[in-house]
Structures are given as structure tokens and as C-alpha cells.
PDB file of N, CA and C in Angstrom:
ATOM      1  N   MET A   1       0.809  -1.211   0.000  1.00  0.00           N
ATOM      2  CA  MET A   1       0.000   0.000   0.000  1.00  0.00           C
ATOM      3  C   MET A   1       0.847   1.268   0.000  1.00  0.00           C
ATOM      4  N   ALA A   2       2.019   1.204   0.478  1.00  0.00           N
ATOM      5  CA  ALA A   2       2.885   2.381   0.494  1.00  0.00           C
ATOM      6  C   ALA A   2       3.187   2.838  -0.930  1.00  0.00           C
ATOM      7  N   ILE A   3       3.287   1.880  -1.845  1.00  0.00           N
ATOM      8  CA  ILE A   3       3.549   2.224  -3.240  1.00  0.00           C
ATOM      9  C   ILE A   3       2.350   2.963  -3.819  1.00  0.00           C
ATOM     10  N   ASP A   4       1.132   2.508  -3.499  1.00  0.00           N
ATOM     11  CA  ASP A   4      -0.070   3.182  -3.988  1.00  0.00           C
ATOM     12  C   ASP A   4      -0.171   4.602  -3.432  1.00  0.00           C
ATOM     13  N   GLU A   5       0.172   4.788  -2.173  1.00  0.00           N
ATOM     14  CA  GLU A   5       0.128   6.117  -1.571  1.00  0.00           C
ATOM     15  C   GLU A   5       1.180   7.024  -2.208  1.00  0.00           C
ATOM     16  N   GLN A   6       2.374   6.459  -2.450  1.00  0.00           N
ATOM     17  CA  GLN A   6       3.432   7.238  -3.092  1.00  0.00           C
ATOM     18  C   GLN A   6       3.012   7.635  -4.501  1.00  0.00           C
ATOM     19  N   ARG A   7       2.423   6.715  -5.209  1.00  0.00           N
ATOM     20  CA  ARG A   7       1.973   6.992  -6.577  1.00  0.00           C
ATOM     21  C   ARG A   7       0.884   8.072  -6.580  1.00  0.00           C
ATOM     22  N   LEU A   8      -0.039   7.965  -5.633  1.00  0.00           N
ATOM     23  CA  LEU A   8      -1.106   8.958  -5.519  1.00  0.00           C
ATOM     24  C   LEU A   8      -0.519  10.340  -5.216  1.00  0.00           C
ATOM     25  N   THR A   9       0.455  10.396  -4.321  1.00  0.00           N
ATOM     26  CA  THR A   9       1.098  11.668  -3.977  1.00  0.00           C
ATOM     27  C   THR A   9       1.797  12.258  -5.200  1.00  0.00           C
ATOM     28  N   GLU A  10       2.495  11.425  -5.972  1.00  0.00           N
ATOM     29  CA  GLU A  10       3.163  11.899  -7.179  1.00  0.00           C
ATOM     30  C   GLU A  10       2.150  12.448  -8.181  1.00  0.00           C
ATOM     31  N   LEU A  11       1.036  11.764  -8.322  1.00  0.00           N
ATOM     32  CA  LEU A  11      -0.002  12.234  -9.236  1.00  0.00           C
ATOM     33  C   LEU A  11      -0.601  13.556  -8.772  1.00  0.00           C
ATOM     34  N   GLU A  12      -0.785  13.702  -7.460  1.00  0.00           N
ATOM     35  CA  GLU A  12      -1.311  14.959  -6.930  1.00  0.00           C
ATOM     36  C   GLU A  12      -0.334  16.107  -7.168  1.00  0.00           C
ATOM     37  N   VAL A  13       0.964  15.839  -7.015  1.00  0.00           N
ATOM     38  CA  VAL A  13       1.976  16.866  -7.255  1.00  0.00           C
ATOM     39  C   VAL A  13       1.976  17.253  -8.731  1.00  0.00           C
ATOM     40  N   ARG A  14       1.937  16.269  -9.599  1.00  0.00           N
ATOM     41  CA  ARG A  14       1.913  16.547 -11.045  1.00  0.00           C
ATOM     42  C   ARG A  14       0.661  17.350 -11.416  1.00  0.00           C
ATOM     43  N   LEU A  15      -0.470  16.990 -10.832  1.00  0.00           N
ATOM     44  CA  LEU A  15      -1.707  17.714 -11.104  1.00  0.00           C
ATOM     45  C   LEU A  15      -1.603  19.161 -10.635  1.00  0.00           C
ATOM     46  N   ALA A  16      -0.970  19.381  -9.516  1.00  0.00           N
ATOM     47  CA  ALA A  16      -0.805  20.746  -9.009  1.00  0.00           C
ATOM     48  C   ALA A  16       0.049  21.570  -9.977  1.00  0.00           C
ATOM     49  N   PHE A  17       1.137  20.974 -10.485  1.00  0.00           N
ATOM     50  CA  PHE A  17       1.968  21.691 -11.460  1.00  0.00           C
ATOM     51  C   PHE A  17       1.204  21.963 -12.749  1.00  0.00           C
ATOM     52  N   ILE A  18       0.446  20.992 -13.194  1.00  0.00           N
ATOM     53  CA  ILE A  18      -0.345  21.181 -14.412  1.00  0.00           C
ATOM     54  C   ILE A  18      -1.377  22.285 -14.210  1.00  0.00           C
ATOM     55  N   ASP A  19      -2.020  22.290 -13.054  1.00  0.00           N
ATOM     56  CA  ASP A  19      -3.006  23.323 -12.755  1.00  0.00           C
ATOM     57  C   ASP A  19      -2.351  24.707 -12.754  1.00  0.00           C
ATOM     58  N   ASP A  20      -1.167  24.814 -12.166  1.00  0.00           N
ATOM     59  CA  ASP A  20      -0.444  26.096 -12.170  1.00  0.00           C
ATOM     60  C   ASP A  20      -0.118  26.528 -13.591  1.00  0.00           C
ATOM     61  N   ALA A  21       0.313  25.580 -14.416  1.00  0.00           N
ATOM     62  CA  ALA A  21       0.654  25.899 -15.804  1.00  0.00           C
ATOM     63  C   ALA A  21      -0.579  26.368 -16.568  1.00  0.00           C
ATOM     64  N   VAL A  22      -1.697  25.708 -16.364  1.00  0.00           N
ATOM     65  CA  VAL A  22      -2.941  26.102 -17.040  1.00  0.00           C
ATOM     66  C   VAL A  22      -3.363  27.500 -16.606  1.00  0.00           C
ATOM     67  N   GLN A  23      -3.262  27.790 -15.325  1.00  0.00           N
ATOM     68  CA  GLN A  23      -3.629  29.123 -14.838  1.00  0.00           C
ATOM     69  C   GLN A  23      -2.718  30.189 -15.432  1.00  0.00           C
ATOM     70  N   ALA A  24      -1.434  29.887 -15.554  1.00  0.00           N
ATOM     71  CA  ALA A  24      -0.500  30.835 -16.160  1.00  0.00           C
ATOM     72  C   ALA A  24      -0.847  31.062 -17.633  1.00  0.00           C
ATOM     73  N   LEU A  25      -1.209  30.000 -18.334  1.00  0.00           N
ATOM     74  CA  LEU A  25      -1.596  30.136 -19.744  1.00  0.00           C
ATOM     75  C   LEU A  25      -2.875  30.953 -19.894  1.00  0.00           C
ATOM     76  N   ILE A  26      -3.814  30.747 -19.009  1.00  0.00           N
ATOM     77  CA  ILE A  26      -5.065  31.508 -19.051  1.00  0.00           C
ATOM     78  C   ILE A  26      -4.776  32.997 -18.841  1.00  0.00           C
ATOM     79  N   ALA A  27      -3.901  33.303 -17.875  1.00  0.00           N
ATOM     80  CA  ALA A  27      -3.551  34.700 -17.620  1.00  0.00           C
ATOM     81  C   ALA A  27      -2.823  35.304 -18.823  1.00  0.00           C
ATOM     82  N   ALA A  28      -1.921  34.546 -19.426  1.00  0.00           N
ATOM     83  CA  ALA A  28      -1.195  35.038 -20.596  1.00  0.00           C
ATOM     84  C   ALA A  28      -2.155  35.274 -21.761  1.00  0.00           C
ATOM     85  N   ASP A  29      -3.098  34.374 -21.949  1.00  0.00           N
ATOM     86  CA  ASP A  29      -4.080  34.521 -23.026  1.00  0.00           C
ATOM     87  C   ASP A  29      -4.935  35.760 -22.812  1.00  0.00           C
ATOM     88  N   ALA A  30      -5.336  36.002 -21.585  1.00  0.00           N
ATOM     89  CA  ALA A  30      -6.141  37.193 -21.294  1.00  0.00           C
ATOM     90  C   ALA A  30      -5.343  38.457 -21.583  1.00  0.00           C
ATOM     91  N   GLY A  31      -4.070  38.458 -21.211  1.00  0.00           N
ATOM     92  CA  GLY A  31      -3.221  39.619 -21.489  1.00  0.00           C
ATOM     93  C   GLY A  31      -3.043  39.845 -22.982  1.00  0.00           C
ATOM     94  N   GLN A  32      -2.832  38.781 -23.723  1.00  0.00           N
ATOM     95  CA  GLN A  32      -2.681  38.902 -25.171  1.00  0.00           C
ATOM     96  C   GLN A  32      -3.974  39.392 -25.819  1.00  0.00           C
ATOM     97  N   SER A  33      -5.095  38.903 -25.345  1.00  0.00           N
ATOM     98  CA  SER A  33      -6.382  39.347 -25.895  1.00  0.00           C
ATOM     99  C   SER A  33      -6.582  40.843 -25.681  1.00  0.00           C
ATOM    100  N   MET A  34      -6.196  41.324 -24.507  1.00  0.00           N
ATOM    101  CA  MET A  34      -6.324  42.755 -24.234  1.00  0.00           C
ATOM    102  C   MET A  34      -5.393  43.562 -25.135  1.00  0.00           C
ATOM    103  N   ARG A  35      -4.172  43.076 -25.331  1.00  0.00           N
ATOM    104  CA  ARG A  35      -3.229  43.779 -26.206  1.00  0.00           C
ATOM    105  C   ARG A  35      -3.733  43.809 -27.639  1.00  0.00           C
ATOM    106  N   ILE A  36      -4.264  42.696 -28.105  1.00  0.00           N
ATOM    107  CA  ILE A  36      -4.785  42.628 -29.470  1.00  0.00           C
ATOM    108  C   ILE A  36      -5.944  43.604 -29.643  1.00  0.00           C
ATOM    109  N   ALA A  37      -6.852  43.639 -28.676  1.00  0.00           N
ATOM    110  CA  ALA A  37      -7.990  44.558 -28.758  1.00  0.00           C
ATOM    111  C   ALA A  37      -7.505  46.006 -28.795  1.00  0.00           C
ATOM    112  N   THR A  38      -6.491  46.324 -27.993  1.00  0.00           N
ATOM    113  CA  THR A  38      -5.934  47.680 -27.989  1.00  0.00           C
ATOM    114  C   THR A  38      -5.323  48.012 -29.343  1.00  0.00           C
ATOM    115  N   LEU A  39      -4.558  47.084 -29.894  1.00  0.00           N
ATOM    116  CA  LEU A  39      -3.934  47.317 -31.202  1.00  0.00           C
ATOM    117  C   LEU A  39      -4.983  47.456 -32.303  1.00  0.00           C
ATOM    118  N   GLU A  40      -6.042  46.677 -32.237  1.00  0.00           N
ATOM    119  CA  GLU A  40      -7.113  46.798 -33.238  1.00  0.00           C
ATOM    120  C   GLU A  40      -7.762  48.169 -33.168  1.00  0.00           C
ATOM    121  N   ARG A  41      -7.990  48.676 -31.954  1.00  0.00           N
ATOM    122  CA  ARG A  41      -8.562  50.023 -31.799  1.00  0.00           C
ATOM    123  C   ARG A  41      -7.598  51.073 -32.359  1.00  0.00           C
ATOM    124  N   MET A  42      -6.313  50.903 -32.080  1.00  0.00           N
ATOM    125  CA  MET A  42      -5.328  51.866 -32.570  1.00  0.00           C
ATOM    126  C   MET A  42      -5.290  51.874 -34.096  1.00  0.00           C
ATOM    127  N   VAL A  43      -5.331  50.708 -34.713  1.00  0.00           N
ATOM    128  CA  VAL A  43      -5.322  50.629 -36.180  1.00  0.00           C
ATOM    129  C   VAL A  43      -6.579  51.282 -36.749  1.00  0.00           C
ATOM    130  N   ARG A  44      -7.723  51.001 -36.129  1.00  0.00           N
ATOM    131  CA  ARG A  44      -8.980  51.607 -36.592  1.00  0.00           C
ATOM    132  C   ARG A  44      -8.914  53.123 -36.476  1.00  0.00           C
ATOM    133  N   ASP A  45      -8.400  53.629 -35.353  1.00  0.00           N
ATOM    134  CA  ASP A  45      -8.277  55.074 -35.158  1.00  0.00           C
ATOM    135  C   ASP A  45      -7.303  55.686 -36.165  1.00  0.00           C
ATOM    136  N   LEU A  46      -6.190  55.013 -36.408  1.00  0.00           N
ATOM    137  CA  LEU A  46      -5.213  55.527 -37.365  1.00  0.00           C
ATOM    138  C   LEU A  46      -5.777  55.550 -38.782  1.00  0.00           C
ATOM    139  N   ARG A  47      -6.527  54.528 -39.141  1.00  0.00           N
ATOM    140  CA  ARG A  47      -7.162  54.519 -40.466  1.00  0.00           C
ATOM    141  C   ARG A  47      -8.134  55.681 -40.608  1.00  0.00           C
ATOM    142  N   SER A  48      -8.907  55.906 -39.566  1.00  0.00           N
ATOM    143  CA  SER A  48      -9.861  57.007 -39.589  1.00  0.00           C
ATOM    144  C   SER A  48      -9.134  58.348 -39.695  1.00  0.00           C
ATOM    145  N   GLU A  49      -8.066  58.481 -38.925  1.00  0.00           N
ATOM    146  CA  GLU A  49      -7.291  59.731 -38.962  1.00  0.00           C
ATOM    147  C   GLU A  49      -6.653  59.926 -40.334  1.00  0.00           C
ATOM    148  N   LEU A  50      -6.125  58.858 -40.918  1.00  0.00           N
ATOM    149  CA  LEU A  50      -5.526  58.950 -42.248  1.00  0.00           C
ATOM    150  C   LEU A  50      -6.567  59.340 -43.286  1.00  0.00           C
ATOM    151  N   ALA A  51      -7.753  58.771 -43.181  1.00  0.00           N
ATOM    152  CA  ALA A  51      -8.824  59.127 -44.117  1.00  0.00           C
ATOM    153  C   ALA A  51      -9.194  60.602 -43.969  1.00  0.00           C
ATOM    154  N   SER A  52      -9.231  61.089 -42.741  1.00  0.00           N
ATOM    155  CA  SER A  52      -9.537  62.504 -42.509  1.00  0.00           C
ATOM    156  C   SER A  52      -8.463  63.396 -43.090  1.00  0.00           C
ATOM    157  N   VAL A  53      -7.222  63.030 -42.922  1.00  0.00           N
ATOM    158  CA  VAL A  53      -6.116  63.829 -43.457  1.00  0.00           C
ATOM    159  C   VAL A  53      -6.178  63.837 -44.980  1.00  0.00           C
ATOM    160  N   ARG A  54      -6.416  62.686 -45.576  1.00  0.00           N
ATOM    161  CA  ARG A  54      -6.506  62.621 -47.039  1.00  0.00           C
ATOM    162  C   ARG A  54      -7.666  63.471 -47.556  1.00  0.00           C
ATOM    163  N   THR A  55      -8.797  63.401 -46.884  1.00  0.00           N
ATOM    164  CA  THR A  55      -9.958  64.177 -47.301  1.00  0.00           C
ATOM    165  C   THR A  55      -9.676  65.668 -47.139  1.00  0.00           C
ATOM    166  N   GLY A  56      -9.049  66.035 -46.043  1.00  0.00           N
ATOM    167  CA  GLY A  56      -8.740  67.445 -45.783  1.00  0.00           C
ATOM    168  C   GLY A  56      -7.750  68.018 -46.774  1.00  0.00           C
ATOM    169  N   GLN A  57      -6.832  67.217 -47.260  1.00  0.00           N
ATOM    170  CA  GLN A  57      -5.836  67.699 -48.210  1.00  0.00           C
ATOM    171  C   GLN A  57      -6.291  67.532 -49.651  1.00  0.00           C
ATOM    172  N   GLY A  58      -7.357  66.795 -49.831  1.00  0.00           N
ATOM    173  CA  GLY A  58      -7.835  66.547 -51.177  1.00  0.00           C
ATOM    174  C   GLY A  58      -6.924  65.600 -51.935  1.00  0.00           C
ATOM    175  N   ASN A  59      -6.200  64.780 -51.236  1.00  0.00           N
ATOM    176  CA  ASN A  59      -5.271  63.847 -51.872  1.00  0.00           C
ATOM    177  C   ASN A  59      -5.885  62.463 -51.990  1.00  0.00           C
ATOM    178  N   ASP A  60      -6.930  62.375 -52.747  1.00  0.00           N
ATOM    179  CA  ASP A  60      -7.510  61.058 -53.009  1.00  0.00           C
ATOM    180  C   ASP A  60      -6.700  60.441 -54.135  1.00  0.00           C
ATOM    181  N   PRO A  61      -5.973  59.360 -53.875  1.00  0.00           N
ATOM    182  CA  PRO A  61      -5.107  58.795 -54.909  1.00  0.00           C
ATOM    183  C   PRO A  61      -5.874  58.346 -56.146  1.00  0.00           C
ATOM    184  N   HIS A  62      -7.151  58.090 -56.037  1.00  0.00           N
ATOM    185  CA  HIS A  62      -7.946  57.655 -57.193  1.00  0.00           C
ATOM    186  C   HIS A  62      -8.317  58.825 -58.108  1.00  0.00           C
ATOM    187  N   SER A  63      -8.311  60.034 -57.582  1.00  0.00           N
ATOM    188  CA  SER A  63      -8.693  61.180 -58.399  1.00  0.00           C
ATOM    189  C   SER A  63      -7.495  61.902 -59.008  1.00  0.00           C
ATOM    190  N   GLU A  64      -6.278  61.480 -58.672  1.00  0.00           N
ATOM    191  CA  GLU A  64      -5.090  62.128 -59.218  1.00  0.00           C
ATOM    192  C   GLU A  64      -4.825  61.622 -60.636  1.00  0.00           C
ATOM    193  N   PRO A  65      -4.334  62.506 -61.498  1.00  0.00           N
ATOM    194  CA  PRO A  65      -3.980  62.058 -62.844  1.00  0.00           C
ATOM    195  C   PRO A  65      -2.748  61.159 -62.785  1.00  0.00           C
ATOM    196  N   PRO A  66      -2.571  60.309 -63.775  1.00  0.00           N
ATOM    197  CA  PRO A  66      -1.387  59.443 -63.766  1.00  0.00           C
ATOM    198  C   PRO A  66      -0.108  60.263 -63.985  1.00  0.00           C
ATOM    199  N   PRO A  67       1.010  59.745 -63.578  1.00  0.00           N
ATOM    200  CA  PRO A  67       2.277  60.460 -63.783  1.00  0.00           C
ATOM    201  C   PRO A  67       2.541  60.672 -65.277  1.00  0.00           C
ATOM    202  N   PRO A  68       3.398  61.626 -65.637  1.00  0.00           N
ATOM    203  CA  PRO A  68       3.634  61.969 -67.036  1.00  0.00           C
ATOM    204  C   PRO A  68       4.139  60.807 -67.908  1.00  0.00           C
ATOM    205  N   HIS A  69       4.825  59.884 -67.340  1.00  0.00           N
ATOM    206  CA  HIS A  69       5.398  58.816 -68.158  1.00  0.00           C
ATOM    207  C   HIS A  69       4.360  57.765 -68.593  1.00  0.00           C
ATOM    208  N   TYR A  70       3.102  57.934 -68.220  1.00  0.00           N
ATOM    209  CA  TYR A  70       2.064  57.010 -68.679  1.00  0.00           C
ATOM    210  C   TYR A  70       1.485  57.568 -69.899  1.00  0.00           C
TER     211      TYR A  70
END
């Protein structure tokens, strides 16, 4: 029976380490999700700002004539 108790203790220790690893991964995933959401907002804001700048300057690349060499 001592072998069974030792085996059970080893399994409990391994489970504790696995649980810690899973919790660390969950925390890392949450942090990455927040960073991604922030970056997506920044890209959306930058696109909007770029569109405003282009509209304000009248530099719509589709309305410009082609360069002279065409």
C-alpha cells in the first residue's frame, strides 16, 4: 500500500503543477487578448485619422492624374 500512496502523492503533485501551468496560460491569453484589442482600436483610429487627413488635403489617390510617363 505504500507504493499506492506514493503513486497517488506523485499524481497529486503533477496535477498541481499542471493546474499552475494552465492558470499561467489563461492569464497570458487574457493579457494577449487585451493587447490585441488595444492594437485593433489603434489601427482603426489611425485609419480614420488617415482618411480625414486625405480628405482634408484633397489627396484622393484615385482622383489624381497618372504620372507623365504614362
